[in-house]
Amino acid sequence: MPQLDTSTWFITIISTMITLFIFFQLKISTQTFPMPPSPKTFITQKTKTPWESKWTKIYLPLSSLQQ
């Protein structure tokens, strides 16, 4: 029974991998991708609360009173 000649396997496998790599690089580089979504501006409506129109008094804490 003859011996299997494996001397060309290395170059065959390497050349196949390089060819596949180049093929996929070219395939990916020609593909167009969608643009990333742009941020949407939301218009917030400011609601009037009763305490916004009134003046409120700010009290100091008890520990800061002068004695």
Protein backbone atom coordinates (compact mmCIF):
# COMPACT_ATOMS: atom_id res chain seq x y z
CA MET A 1 0.00 0.00 0.00
CA PRO A 2 1.51 3.36 -0.99
CA GLN A 3 2.34 6.02 1.59
CA LEU A 4 0.21 9.18 1.64
CA ASP A 5 2.25 12.20 0.57
CA THR A 6 1.58 15.02 3.08
CA SER A 7 4.37 17.35 2.01
CA THR A 8 1.99 19.79 0.25
CA TRP A 9 -0.65 19.93 2.96
CA PHE A 10 0.92 22.82 4.83
CA ILE A 11 1.06 25.15 1.83
CA THR A 12 -2.42 24.08 0.74
CA ILE A 13 -3.96 24.84 4.15
CA ILE A 14 -2.12 28.16 4.52
CA SER A 15 -3.02 29.35 1.03
CA THR A 16 -6.66 28.35 1.58
CA MET A 17 -6.79 30.32 4.84
CA ILE A 18 -5.22 33.39 3.25
CA THR A 19 -7.62 33.20 0.32
CA LEU A 20 -10.62 32.91 2.64
CA PHE A 21 -9.38 35.79 4.75
CA ILE A 22 -8.99 38.05 1.70
CA PHE A 23 -12.34 36.94 0.33
CA PHE A 24 -14.17 37.78 3.57
CA GLN A 25 -12.35 41.08 3.95
CA LEU A 26 -13.46 42.13 0.48
CA LYS A 27 -16.97 40.91 1.14
CA ILE A 28 -17.25 42.87 4.37
CA SER A 29 -15.64 46.02 2.98
CA THR A 30 -18.21 46.31 0.18
CA GLN A 31 -21.17 45.90 2.51
CA THR A 32 -23.06 49.03 3.46
CA PHE A 33 -24.18 49.43 7.03
CA PRO A 34 -27.07 51.58 8.23
CA MET A 35 -26.29 54.86 9.89
CA PRO A 36 -26.37 54.88 13.70
CA PRO A 37 -29.54 56.39 15.10
CA SER A 38 -29.37 60.07 15.82
CA PRO A 39 -30.53 61.30 19.22
CA LYS A 40 -34.10 62.43 19.15
CA THR A 41 -34.90 65.74 20.77
CA PHE A 42 -37.86 65.64 23.07
CA ILE A 43 -39.81 68.79 23.80
CA THR A 44 -40.70 68.78 27.46
CA GLN A 45 -43.59 70.90 28.51
CA LYS A 46 -43.04 72.66 31.78
CA THR A 47 -46.01 72.35 34.06
CA LYS A 48 -46.76 75.11 36.51
CA THR A 49 -46.97 73.96 40.09
CA PRO A 50 -48.62 76.11 42.74
CA TRP A 51 -45.45 76.65 44.76
CA GLU A 52 -43.46 77.99 41.81
CA SER A 53 -45.45 81.19 41.66
CA LYS A 54 -45.42 81.73 45.45
CA TRP A 55 -42.58 82.94 47.58
CA THR A 56 -41.55 80.45 50.22
CA LYS A 57 -39.64 81.28 53.34
CA ILE A 58 -36.49 79.30 54.06
CA TYR A 59 -35.99 78.61 57.74
CA LEU A 60 -32.59 78.04 59.30
CA PRO A 61 -32.10 74.88 61.30
CA LEU A 62 -32.45 75.22 65.07
CA SER A 63 -28.79 74.54 65.70
CA SER A 64 -27.68 77.63 63.79
CA LEU A 65 -29.77 80.10 65.79
CA GLN A 66 -27.86 82.83 67.59
CA GLN A 67 -28.13 82.69 71.35
